[in-house]
N, C-alpha and C. Protein backbone atom coordinates (compact mmCIF):
# COMPACT_ATOMS: atom_id res chain seq x y z
N MET A 1 -2.91 -6.92 -41.06
CA MET A 1 -3.75 -6.07 -40.22
C MET A 1 -3.62 -6.53 -38.77
N PRO A 2 -3.32 -5.61 -37.82
CA PRO A 2 -3.17 -6.01 -36.41
C PRO A 2 -4.50 -6.46 -35.81
N ARG A 3 -4.38 -7.39 -34.87
CA ARG A 3 -5.58 -7.87 -34.19
C ARG A 3 -6.07 -6.82 -33.21
N VAL A 4 -7.37 -6.73 -33.06
CA VAL A 4 -7.98 -5.80 -32.12
C VAL A 4 -8.10 -6.51 -30.77
N LYS A 5 -7.66 -5.83 -29.72
CA LYS A 5 -7.76 -6.42 -28.39
C LYS A 5 -9.22 -6.42 -27.96
N LYS A 6 -9.63 -7.55 -27.38
CA LYS A 6 -11.01 -7.69 -26.96
C LYS A 6 -11.14 -7.62 -25.44
N PHE A 7 -10.20 -6.91 -24.82
CA PHE A 7 -10.26 -6.74 -23.37
C PHE A 7 -9.75 -5.36 -23.01
N ASP A 8 -10.18 -4.90 -21.86
CA ASP A 8 -9.77 -3.58 -21.36
C ASP A 8 -8.44 -3.75 -20.63
N GLU A 9 -7.39 -3.12 -21.14
CA GLU A 9 -6.05 -3.30 -20.57
C GLU A 9 -5.97 -2.84 -19.12
N LYS A 10 -6.59 -1.71 -18.80
CA LYS A 10 -6.54 -1.19 -17.43
C LYS A 10 -7.30 -2.11 -16.47
N GLU A 11 -8.46 -2.57 -16.89
CA GLU A 11 -9.26 -3.45 -16.03
C GLU A 11 -8.54 -4.79 -15.84
N THR A 12 -7.91 -5.27 -16.88
CA THR A 12 -7.17 -6.53 -16.80
C THR A 12 -5.96 -6.37 -15.88
N LEU A 13 -5.30 -5.23 -15.95
CA LEU A 13 -4.17 -4.96 -15.07
C LEU A 13 -4.64 -4.93 -13.61
N LYS A 14 -5.80 -4.35 -13.37
CA LYS A 14 -6.35 -4.31 -12.01
C LYS A 14 -6.65 -5.72 -11.51
N LYS A 15 -7.18 -6.57 -12.38
CA LYS A 15 -7.44 -7.97 -12.00
C LYS A 15 -6.14 -8.69 -11.67
N ALA A 16 -5.12 -8.44 -12.47
CA ALA A 16 -3.81 -9.06 -12.21
C ALA A 16 -3.26 -8.57 -10.88
N MET A 17 -3.41 -7.28 -10.61
CA MET A 17 -2.96 -6.72 -9.34
C MET A 17 -3.62 -7.45 -8.17
N CYS A 18 -4.91 -7.66 -8.25
CA CYS A 18 -5.63 -8.33 -7.16
C CYS A 18 -5.16 -9.78 -6.99
N LEU A 19 -4.88 -10.46 -8.09
CA LEU A 19 -4.41 -11.84 -8.01
C LEU A 19 -3.02 -11.92 -7.39
N PHE A 20 -2.11 -11.08 -7.86
CA PHE A 20 -0.75 -11.06 -7.29
C PHE A 20 -0.80 -10.63 -5.82
N TRP A 21 -1.64 -9.69 -5.50
CA TRP A 21 -1.78 -9.21 -4.13
C TRP A 21 -2.23 -10.33 -3.22
N ARG A 22 -3.19 -11.10 -3.69
CA ARG A 22 -3.72 -12.20 -2.87
C ARG A 22 -2.76 -13.38 -2.77
N ASN A 23 -2.16 -13.77 -3.90
CA ASN A 23 -1.35 -14.99 -3.94
C ASN A 23 0.15 -14.77 -3.80
N GLY A 24 0.61 -13.58 -4.13
CA GLY A 24 2.04 -13.34 -4.19
C GLY A 24 2.57 -13.63 -5.58
N PHE A 25 3.82 -13.25 -5.82
CA PHE A 25 4.40 -13.43 -7.15
C PHE A 25 4.67 -14.90 -7.45
N HIS A 26 5.37 -15.56 -6.55
CA HIS A 26 5.79 -16.93 -6.82
C HIS A 26 4.63 -17.92 -6.88
N ALA A 27 3.60 -17.68 -6.10
CA ALA A 27 2.47 -18.62 -6.06
C ALA A 27 1.45 -18.36 -7.17
N THR A 28 1.70 -17.37 -8.00
CA THR A 28 0.82 -17.09 -9.14
C THR A 28 1.50 -17.58 -10.41
N SER A 29 0.89 -18.56 -11.04
CA SER A 29 1.45 -19.10 -12.29
C SER A 29 0.86 -18.38 -13.49
N MET A 30 1.48 -18.57 -14.63
CA MET A 30 0.92 -18.01 -15.86
C MET A 30 -0.48 -18.57 -16.11
N GLN A 31 -0.67 -19.84 -15.80
CA GLN A 31 -2.00 -20.44 -15.99
C GLN A 31 -3.01 -19.79 -15.06
N ASP A 32 -2.60 -19.46 -13.83
CA ASP A 32 -3.48 -18.73 -12.91
C ASP A 32 -3.89 -17.39 -13.53
N LEU A 33 -2.92 -16.72 -14.13
CA LEU A 33 -3.20 -15.43 -14.76
C LEU A 33 -4.17 -15.59 -15.93
N VAL A 34 -3.93 -16.58 -16.77
CA VAL A 34 -4.82 -16.85 -17.91
C VAL A 34 -6.24 -17.08 -17.40
N ASN A 35 -6.37 -17.94 -16.39
CA ASN A 35 -7.70 -18.26 -15.86
C ASN A 35 -8.37 -17.05 -15.22
N HIS A 36 -7.62 -16.32 -14.43
CA HIS A 36 -8.19 -15.20 -13.68
C HIS A 36 -8.51 -14.00 -14.58
N LEU A 37 -7.64 -13.75 -15.54
CA LEU A 37 -7.82 -12.59 -16.41
C LEU A 37 -8.78 -12.85 -17.55
N GLY A 38 -8.95 -14.14 -17.89
CA GLY A 38 -9.85 -14.49 -18.98
C GLY A 38 -9.31 -14.15 -20.36
N ILE A 39 -7.98 -14.08 -20.46
CA ILE A 39 -7.35 -13.85 -21.77
C ILE A 39 -6.24 -14.90 -21.95
N ASN A 40 -5.84 -15.11 -23.18
CA ASN A 40 -4.84 -16.15 -23.43
C ASN A 40 -3.42 -15.66 -23.17
N ARG A 41 -2.49 -16.60 -23.11
CA ARG A 41 -1.09 -16.28 -22.82
C ARG A 41 -0.51 -15.29 -23.84
N ALA A 42 -0.83 -15.52 -25.11
CA ALA A 42 -0.28 -14.65 -26.15
C ALA A 42 -0.70 -13.20 -25.92
N SER A 43 -1.94 -13.00 -25.50
CA SER A 43 -2.42 -11.64 -25.23
C SER A 43 -1.70 -11.04 -24.03
N ILE A 44 -1.43 -11.86 -23.03
CA ILE A 44 -0.69 -11.37 -21.86
C ILE A 44 0.71 -10.95 -22.28
N TYR A 45 1.39 -11.82 -23.01
CA TYR A 45 2.76 -11.50 -23.45
C TYR A 45 2.78 -10.28 -24.38
N ASP A 46 1.84 -10.23 -25.33
CA ASP A 46 1.81 -9.12 -26.29
C ASP A 46 1.52 -7.78 -25.61
N THR A 47 0.66 -7.80 -24.59
CA THR A 47 0.21 -6.56 -23.97
C THR A 47 1.10 -6.12 -22.83
N TYR A 48 1.51 -7.07 -22.00
CA TYR A 48 2.20 -6.70 -20.76
C TYR A 48 3.64 -7.20 -20.70
N GLY A 49 4.01 -8.14 -21.53
CA GLY A 49 5.30 -8.81 -21.40
C GLY A 49 5.06 -10.12 -20.65
N GLY A 50 6.08 -10.64 -20.02
CA GLY A 50 5.94 -11.88 -19.26
C GLY A 50 5.32 -11.65 -17.90
N LYS A 51 5.33 -12.70 -17.10
CA LYS A 51 4.75 -12.65 -15.76
C LYS A 51 5.41 -11.55 -14.92
N LYS A 52 6.72 -11.44 -14.97
CA LYS A 52 7.44 -10.44 -14.16
C LYS A 52 7.07 -9.02 -14.58
N GLU A 53 6.98 -8.79 -15.87
CA GLU A 53 6.61 -7.46 -16.36
C GLU A 53 5.18 -7.11 -15.96
N LEU A 54 4.29 -8.08 -16.05
CA LEU A 54 2.90 -7.86 -15.63
C LEU A 54 2.84 -7.57 -14.13
N PHE A 55 3.60 -8.33 -13.37
CA PHE A 55 3.66 -8.09 -11.92
C PHE A 55 4.16 -6.69 -11.63
N ASP A 56 5.24 -6.28 -12.28
CA ASP A 56 5.82 -4.96 -12.05
C ASP A 56 4.81 -3.86 -12.36
N LYS A 57 4.07 -4.02 -13.45
CA LYS A 57 3.07 -3.02 -13.84
C LYS A 57 1.91 -3.01 -12.84
N ALA A 58 1.50 -4.18 -12.39
CA ALA A 58 0.40 -4.27 -11.42
C ALA A 58 0.82 -3.66 -10.08
N PHE A 59 2.04 -3.93 -9.67
CA PHE A 59 2.54 -3.40 -8.40
C PHE A 59 2.70 -1.88 -8.48
N ALA A 60 3.16 -1.38 -9.62
CA ALA A 60 3.26 0.06 -9.83
C ALA A 60 1.88 0.71 -9.77
N GLN A 61 0.90 0.04 -10.35
CA GLN A 61 -0.47 0.55 -10.32
C GLN A 61 -0.99 0.64 -8.89
N TYR A 62 -0.72 -0.38 -8.09
CA TYR A 62 -1.13 -0.39 -6.68
C TYR A 62 -0.51 0.79 -5.93
N ARG A 63 0.78 0.98 -6.11
CA ARG A 63 1.47 2.07 -5.41
C ARG A 63 0.92 3.43 -5.84
N THR A 64 0.67 3.60 -7.12
CA THR A 64 0.12 4.85 -7.63
C THR A 64 -1.26 5.12 -7.04
N GLU A 65 -2.11 4.12 -7.02
CA GLU A 65 -3.46 4.28 -6.46
C GLU A 65 -3.39 4.62 -4.98
N ASN A 66 -2.52 3.92 -4.25
CA ASN A 66 -2.39 4.18 -2.81
C ASN A 66 -1.90 5.60 -2.54
N ARG A 67 -0.94 6.05 -3.32
CA ARG A 67 -0.40 7.40 -3.14
C ARG A 67 -1.49 8.44 -3.39
N MET A 68 -2.25 8.25 -4.45
CA MET A 68 -3.32 9.20 -4.77
C MET A 68 -4.36 9.22 -3.66
N GLN A 69 -4.73 8.05 -3.15
CA GLN A 69 -5.71 7.97 -2.07
C GLN A 69 -5.18 8.63 -0.80
N LEU A 70 -3.92 8.37 -0.47
CA LEU A 70 -3.33 8.95 0.73
C LEU A 70 -3.30 10.47 0.63
N GLU A 71 -2.82 10.99 -0.49
CA GLU A 71 -2.75 12.44 -0.67
C GLU A 71 -4.14 13.07 -0.60
N ALA A 72 -5.11 12.47 -1.28
CA ALA A 72 -6.47 13.00 -1.28
C ALA A 72 -7.05 12.98 0.14
N PHE A 73 -6.80 11.90 0.87
CA PHE A 73 -7.32 11.79 2.24
C PHE A 73 -6.71 12.87 3.13
N LEU A 74 -5.38 13.00 3.11
CA LEU A 74 -4.72 13.95 3.99
C LEU A 74 -5.13 15.39 3.70
N LYS A 75 -5.40 15.69 2.43
CA LYS A 75 -5.82 17.04 2.05
C LYS A 75 -7.17 17.41 2.65
N THR A 76 -7.99 16.42 2.97
CA THR A 76 -9.32 16.70 3.53
C THR A 76 -9.31 16.83 5.05
N GLN A 77 -8.17 16.60 5.67
CA GLN A 77 -8.10 16.61 7.13
C GLN A 77 -7.74 17.99 7.67
N ASN A 78 -8.53 18.46 8.63
CA ASN A 78 -8.27 19.77 9.25
C ASN A 78 -7.33 19.67 10.43
N SER A 79 -7.24 18.48 11.01
CA SER A 79 -6.38 18.26 12.17
C SER A 79 -5.40 17.13 11.86
N VAL A 80 -4.13 17.36 12.14
CA VAL A 80 -3.12 16.34 11.89
C VAL A 80 -3.34 15.14 12.80
N LYS A 81 -3.58 15.38 14.07
CA LYS A 81 -3.77 14.28 15.02
C LYS A 81 -4.99 13.45 14.66
N THR A 82 -6.10 14.12 14.40
CA THR A 82 -7.33 13.42 14.02
C THR A 82 -7.13 12.73 12.67
N GLY A 83 -6.43 13.38 11.76
CA GLY A 83 -6.18 12.80 10.43
C GLY A 83 -5.41 11.50 10.52
N PHE A 84 -4.34 11.49 11.32
CA PHE A 84 -3.58 10.24 11.47
C PHE A 84 -4.42 9.16 12.14
N ARG A 85 -5.21 9.55 13.12
CA ARG A 85 -6.05 8.55 13.79
C ARG A 85 -7.04 7.94 12.78
N LYS A 86 -7.66 8.79 11.96
CA LYS A 86 -8.59 8.29 10.94
C LYS A 86 -7.87 7.40 9.93
N LEU A 87 -6.67 7.80 9.54
CA LEU A 87 -5.89 7.01 8.58
C LEU A 87 -5.63 5.61 9.12
N PHE A 88 -5.18 5.55 10.38
CA PHE A 88 -4.90 4.24 10.99
C PHE A 88 -6.20 3.47 11.24
N GLN A 89 -7.24 4.16 11.63
CA GLN A 89 -8.53 3.50 11.85
C GLN A 89 -9.06 2.90 10.54
N ASN A 90 -8.91 3.65 9.44
CA ASN A 90 -9.31 3.13 8.13
C ASN A 90 -8.51 1.89 7.74
N ALA A 91 -7.21 1.91 8.03
CA ALA A 91 -6.36 0.75 7.73
C ALA A 91 -6.82 -0.47 8.52
N ILE A 92 -7.17 -0.27 9.77
CA ILE A 92 -7.65 -1.37 10.61
C ILE A 92 -8.98 -1.90 10.07
N SER A 93 -9.90 -1.00 9.77
CA SER A 93 -11.22 -1.40 9.26
C SER A 93 -11.10 -2.18 7.95
N GLU A 94 -10.25 -1.69 7.05
CA GLU A 94 -10.05 -2.38 5.78
C GLU A 94 -9.48 -3.78 6.00
N ALA A 95 -8.51 -3.90 6.89
CA ALA A 95 -7.90 -5.20 7.15
C ALA A 95 -8.90 -6.17 7.77
N ILE A 96 -9.67 -5.69 8.72
CA ILE A 96 -10.63 -6.56 9.40
C ILE A 96 -11.75 -6.99 8.46
N SER A 97 -12.17 -6.10 7.57
CA SER A 97 -13.27 -6.45 6.65
C SER A 97 -12.81 -7.25 5.43
N ASP A 98 -11.50 -7.36 5.20
CA ASP A 98 -10.97 -8.10 4.05
C ASP A 98 -11.03 -9.60 4.34
N THR A 99 -12.00 -10.28 3.78
CA THR A 99 -12.17 -11.71 4.04
C THR A 99 -11.01 -12.55 3.50
N GLU A 100 -10.28 -12.02 2.52
CA GLU A 100 -9.13 -12.77 1.97
C GLU A 100 -7.86 -12.54 2.79
N ARG A 101 -7.87 -11.60 3.70
CA ARG A 101 -6.72 -11.31 4.56
C ARG A 101 -5.46 -11.04 3.74
N LYS A 102 -5.61 -10.21 2.70
CA LYS A 102 -4.49 -9.92 1.81
C LYS A 102 -3.43 -9.06 2.47
N GLY A 103 -3.85 -8.19 3.39
CA GLY A 103 -2.89 -7.26 3.99
C GLY A 103 -2.51 -6.18 3.00
N CYS A 104 -1.33 -5.65 3.17
CA CYS A 104 -0.81 -4.59 2.31
C CYS A 104 0.07 -5.22 1.23
N PHE A 105 -0.20 -4.89 -0.02
CA PHE A 105 0.56 -5.45 -1.14
C PHE A 105 2.04 -5.09 -1.02
N VAL A 106 2.34 -3.86 -0.61
CA VAL A 106 3.74 -3.44 -0.48
C VAL A 106 4.45 -4.28 0.58
N VAL A 107 3.82 -4.45 1.72
CA VAL A 107 4.41 -5.26 2.80
C VAL A 107 4.57 -6.71 2.33
N ASN A 108 3.57 -7.22 1.64
CA ASN A 108 3.65 -8.60 1.13
C ASN A 108 4.82 -8.78 0.17
N VAL A 109 4.98 -7.82 -0.73
CA VAL A 109 6.08 -7.89 -1.70
C VAL A 109 7.43 -7.79 -0.98
N ALA A 110 7.51 -6.90 0.00
CA ALA A 110 8.77 -6.74 0.74
C ALA A 110 9.16 -8.06 1.42
N THR A 111 8.21 -8.73 2.01
CA THR A 111 8.55 -9.98 2.71
C THR A 111 8.79 -11.13 1.76
N GLU A 112 8.15 -11.12 0.59
CA GLU A 112 8.32 -12.22 -0.35
C GLU A 112 9.55 -12.05 -1.26
N LEU A 113 9.76 -10.85 -1.77
CA LEU A 113 10.75 -10.69 -2.84
C LEU A 113 12.04 -9.98 -2.45
N VAL A 114 11.99 -9.10 -1.47
CA VAL A 114 13.16 -8.28 -1.17
C VAL A 114 14.40 -9.09 -0.79
N PRO A 115 14.28 -10.17 -0.05
CA PRO A 115 15.52 -10.85 0.31
C PRO A 115 16.41 -11.25 -0.88
N ASN A 116 15.80 -11.44 -2.04
CA ASN A 116 16.58 -11.92 -3.20
C ASN A 116 16.46 -11.04 -4.44
N ASP A 117 15.88 -9.85 -4.31
CA ASP A 117 15.61 -9.04 -5.48
C ASP A 117 16.00 -7.58 -5.20
N ASP A 118 17.20 -7.21 -5.63
CA ASP A 118 17.71 -5.86 -5.38
C ASP A 118 16.87 -4.78 -6.07
N GLU A 119 16.35 -5.10 -7.24
CA GLU A 119 15.51 -4.14 -7.95
C GLU A 119 14.25 -3.85 -7.14
N MET A 120 13.65 -4.89 -6.59
CA MET A 120 12.44 -4.70 -5.80
C MET A 120 12.76 -4.00 -4.48
N LEU A 121 13.93 -4.27 -3.92
CA LEU A 121 14.36 -3.56 -2.72
C LEU A 121 14.38 -2.06 -2.98
N SER A 122 14.89 -1.67 -4.13
CA SER A 122 14.95 -0.27 -4.50
C SER A 122 13.54 0.33 -4.63
N VAL A 123 12.62 -0.42 -5.21
CA VAL A 123 11.23 0.04 -5.36
C VAL A 123 10.59 0.22 -3.99
N ILE A 124 10.81 -0.73 -3.09
CA ILE A 124 10.23 -0.66 -1.74
C ILE A 124 10.83 0.51 -0.97
N GLN A 125 12.13 0.71 -1.11
CA GLN A 125 12.78 1.84 -0.42
C GLN A 125 12.26 3.17 -0.94
N GLU A 126 12.07 3.28 -2.24
CA GLU A 126 11.54 4.50 -2.83
C GLU A 126 10.13 4.76 -2.32
N ASN A 127 9.32 3.71 -2.20
CA ASN A 127 7.96 3.85 -1.69
C ASN A 127 7.99 4.34 -0.23
N LYS A 128 8.91 3.78 0.56
CA LYS A 128 9.06 4.19 1.96
C LYS A 128 9.39 5.67 2.06
N VAL A 129 10.33 6.13 1.26
CA VAL A 129 10.73 7.54 1.26
C VAL A 129 9.53 8.42 0.90
N TYR A 130 8.78 8.00 -0.09
CA TYR A 130 7.62 8.78 -0.53
C TYR A 130 6.58 8.90 0.60
N ILE A 131 6.24 7.79 1.24
CA ILE A 131 5.24 7.81 2.32
C ILE A 131 5.76 8.65 3.48
N GLU A 132 7.01 8.46 3.86
CA GLU A 132 7.56 9.24 4.96
C GLU A 132 7.56 10.73 4.65
N GLU A 133 7.90 11.11 3.43
CA GLU A 133 7.89 12.52 3.06
C GLU A 133 6.47 13.08 3.07
N THR A 134 5.50 12.27 2.66
CA THR A 134 4.10 12.69 2.71
C THR A 134 3.66 12.89 4.15
N PHE A 135 4.03 11.95 5.02
CA PHE A 135 3.71 12.09 6.44
C PHE A 135 4.42 13.31 7.04
N LYS A 136 5.66 13.52 6.66
CA LYS A 136 6.43 14.66 7.19
C LYS A 136 5.77 15.98 6.79
N ALA A 137 5.32 16.08 5.55
CA ALA A 137 4.66 17.31 5.10
C ALA A 137 3.36 17.53 5.87
N PHE A 138 2.63 16.46 6.14
CA PHE A 138 1.39 16.56 6.91
C PHE A 138 1.69 16.99 8.34
N LEU A 139 2.72 16.39 8.93
CA LEU A 139 3.14 16.79 10.27
C LEU A 139 3.58 18.25 10.30
N GLN A 140 4.30 18.66 9.27
CA GLN A 140 4.76 20.06 9.20
C GLN A 140 3.58 21.02 9.16
N SER A 141 2.51 20.62 8.49
CA SER A 141 1.32 21.47 8.47
C SER A 141 0.76 21.63 9.88
N GLY A 142 0.89 20.58 10.70
CA GLY A 142 0.47 20.67 12.10
C GLY A 142 1.37 21.58 12.91
N VAL A 143 2.67 21.56 12.61
CA VAL A 143 3.61 22.47 13.27
C VAL A 143 3.27 23.91 12.88
N ASN A 144 3.03 24.11 11.58
CA ASN A 144 2.74 25.46 11.07
C ASN A 144 1.46 26.04 11.68
N SER A 145 0.48 25.17 11.94
CA SER A 145 -0.79 25.65 12.50
C SER A 145 -0.75 25.76 14.02
N GLY A 146 0.32 25.25 14.64
CA GLY A 146 0.43 25.28 16.09
C GLY A 146 -0.16 24.08 16.78
N GLU A 147 -0.68 23.14 16.00
CA GLU A 147 -1.27 21.92 16.58
C GLU A 147 -0.19 21.02 17.17
N ILE A 148 0.98 21.03 16.55
CA ILE A 148 2.10 20.20 16.99
C ILE A 148 3.25 21.13 17.38
N SER A 149 3.89 20.81 18.48
CA SER A 149 4.99 21.62 18.97
C SER A 149 6.15 21.65 17.97
N ALA A 150 6.73 22.82 17.81
CA ALA A 150 7.84 23.00 16.87
C ALA A 150 9.10 22.27 17.31
N ASP A 151 9.15 21.82 18.57
CA ASP A 151 10.36 21.11 19.02
C ASP A 151 10.32 19.61 18.70
N LYS A 152 9.24 19.15 18.08
CA LYS A 152 9.15 17.73 17.70
C LYS A 152 10.04 17.46 16.49
N ASN A 153 10.67 16.29 16.48
CA ASN A 153 11.46 15.87 15.32
C ASN A 153 10.52 15.18 14.35
N ILE A 154 9.95 15.97 13.43
CA ILE A 154 8.92 15.40 12.57
C ILE A 154 9.46 14.38 11.58
N GLN A 155 10.74 14.45 11.23
CA GLN A 155 11.32 13.43 10.36
C GLN A 155 11.29 12.07 11.05
N ASN A 156 11.72 12.03 12.30
CA ASN A 156 11.72 10.78 13.06
C ASN A 156 10.29 10.28 13.31
N ILE A 157 9.39 11.20 13.59
CA ILE A 157 8.00 10.81 13.82
C ILE A 157 7.38 10.26 12.54
N ALA A 158 7.66 10.90 11.41
CA ALA A 158 7.14 10.41 10.12
C ALA A 158 7.63 9.00 9.84
N SER A 159 8.90 8.76 10.11
CA SER A 159 9.48 7.42 9.91
C SER A 159 8.82 6.41 10.84
N LEU A 160 8.63 6.78 12.09
CA LEU A 160 7.99 5.88 13.05
C LEU A 160 6.55 5.59 12.66
N LEU A 161 5.81 6.60 12.20
CA LEU A 161 4.42 6.39 11.81
C LEU A 161 4.31 5.50 10.58
N HIS A 162 5.28 5.62 9.67
CA HIS A 162 5.31 4.71 8.51
C HIS A 162 5.54 3.27 8.97
N THR A 163 6.50 3.10 9.87
CA THR A 163 6.79 1.76 10.41
C THR A 163 5.57 1.21 11.15
N PHE A 164 4.93 2.06 11.94
CA PHE A 164 3.75 1.65 12.69
C PHE A 164 2.62 1.24 11.74
N LEU A 165 2.40 2.01 10.69
CA LEU A 165 1.33 1.69 9.74
C LEU A 165 1.57 0.33 9.10
N ASN A 166 2.81 0.06 8.70
CA ASN A 166 3.12 -1.24 8.11
C ASN A 166 2.91 -2.37 9.12
N GLY A 167 3.37 -2.16 10.34
CA GLY A 167 3.16 -3.16 11.38
C GLY A 167 1.70 -3.38 11.67
N LEU A 168 0.94 -2.30 11.69
CA LEU A 168 -0.49 -2.37 11.93
C LEU A 168 -1.19 -3.21 10.86
N LYS A 169 -0.75 -3.05 9.63
CA LYS A 169 -1.35 -3.82 8.53
C LYS A 169 -1.04 -5.31 8.65
N ILE A 170 0.13 -5.63 9.17
CA ILE A 170 0.49 -7.03 9.38
C ILE A 170 -0.31 -7.61 10.54
N VAL A 171 -0.31 -6.91 11.66
CA VAL A 171 -1.00 -7.40 12.86
C VAL A 171 -2.51 -7.52 12.60
N SER A 172 -3.06 -6.61 11.82
CA SER A 172 -4.50 -6.61 11.54
C SER A 172 -4.95 -7.84 10.74
N LYS A 173 -3.99 -8.55 10.12
CA LYS A 173 -4.33 -9.77 9.39
C LYS A 173 -4.71 -10.90 10.34
N THR A 174 -4.23 -10.81 11.59
CA THR A 174 -4.49 -11.91 12.54
C THR A 174 -5.20 -11.44 13.80
N ASN A 175 -5.14 -10.15 14.11
CA ASN A 175 -5.80 -9.62 15.30
C ASN A 175 -7.02 -8.84 14.84
N PHE A 176 -8.21 -9.35 15.16
CA PHE A 176 -9.43 -8.72 14.68
C PHE A 176 -10.10 -7.89 15.78
N ASP A 177 -9.36 -7.62 16.86
CA ASP A 177 -9.89 -6.83 17.97
C ASP A 177 -9.63 -5.35 17.67
N GLU A 178 -10.63 -4.72 17.08
CA GLU A 178 -10.47 -3.33 16.64
C GLU A 178 -10.15 -2.41 17.80
N GLU A 179 -10.77 -2.65 18.94
CA GLU A 179 -10.53 -1.78 20.10
C GLU A 179 -9.08 -1.83 20.56
N SER A 180 -8.52 -3.03 20.61
CA SER A 180 -7.13 -3.16 21.04
C SER A 180 -6.18 -2.52 20.02
N LEU A 181 -6.48 -2.65 18.74
CA LEU A 181 -5.65 -2.02 17.71
C LEU A 181 -5.74 -0.50 17.80
N LEU A 182 -6.94 0.01 18.05
CA LEU A 182 -7.10 1.46 18.18
C LEU A 182 -6.42 1.99 19.44
N ASN A 183 -6.34 1.17 20.48
CA ASN A 183 -5.60 1.57 21.67
C ASN A 183 -4.13 1.78 21.33
N SER A 184 -3.60 0.91 20.47
CA SER A 184 -2.21 1.08 20.02
C SER A 184 -2.05 2.37 19.22
N VAL A 185 -3.03 2.64 18.38
CA VAL A 185 -3.01 3.88 17.59
C VAL A 185 -2.99 5.08 18.52
N ASP A 186 -3.89 5.09 19.49
CA ASP A 186 -3.97 6.23 20.41
C ASP A 186 -2.68 6.39 21.21
N THR A 187 -2.05 5.28 21.54
CA THR A 187 -0.78 5.34 22.29
C THR A 187 0.32 5.97 21.45
N ILE A 188 0.45 5.54 20.21
CA ILE A 188 1.54 6.10 19.39
C ILE A 188 1.28 7.56 19.04
N LEU A 189 0.02 7.94 18.94
CA LEU A 189 -0.28 9.32 18.59
C LEU A 189 -0.05 10.30 19.75
N THR A 190 0.21 9.77 20.94
CA THR A 190 0.58 10.65 22.06
C THR A 190 1.92 11.34 21.76
N LEU A 191 2.68 10.81 20.81
CA LEU A 191 3.93 11.47 20.38
C LEU A 191 3.67 12.88 19.84
N LEU A 192 2.45 13.10 19.37
CA LEU A 192 2.13 14.40 18.79
C LEU A 192 1.64 15.40 19.82
N ASP A 193 1.43 14.95 21.06
CA ASP A 193 0.94 15.86 22.12
C ASP A 193 2.04 16.81 22.55
């Protein structure tokens, strides 16, 4: 008779995501996972696979949640310019209020694993394409409504805004001056004028 799991797999995956996000892949040991998740090694291996498989699932969960949040947020915005400003302002507020200074999990993974992990490079590149395409579609809605001039290269702007957002998340880990960060946001958004 198979053993019944005494833990919630989704909640445990979320806990693992938070631990990997805070510590990184290499600095998180199996014992750290056992302690943090409150389940034994055998349960981790049986449910998720090894440390790498658990990390991959946790990282996929993070990306999925972020994509859903981004799409939901952009759908509620009536103005592209105001929407991007709110998006960047929210990123700044989240970074400043995060006492652990975790930053962005995607950016953290890119800096920790990409130099030596081609599979992860592919995952990061796919995430970049997705975010840029989401930004491009949002920008296109601004072109369609007349808010943004049709002569703007929205593909290039979407790419730049993605790069800016990632940079903003890095800088926000050490610069807690919200006004100065918002000044940078307002400066880059002049591209949409």
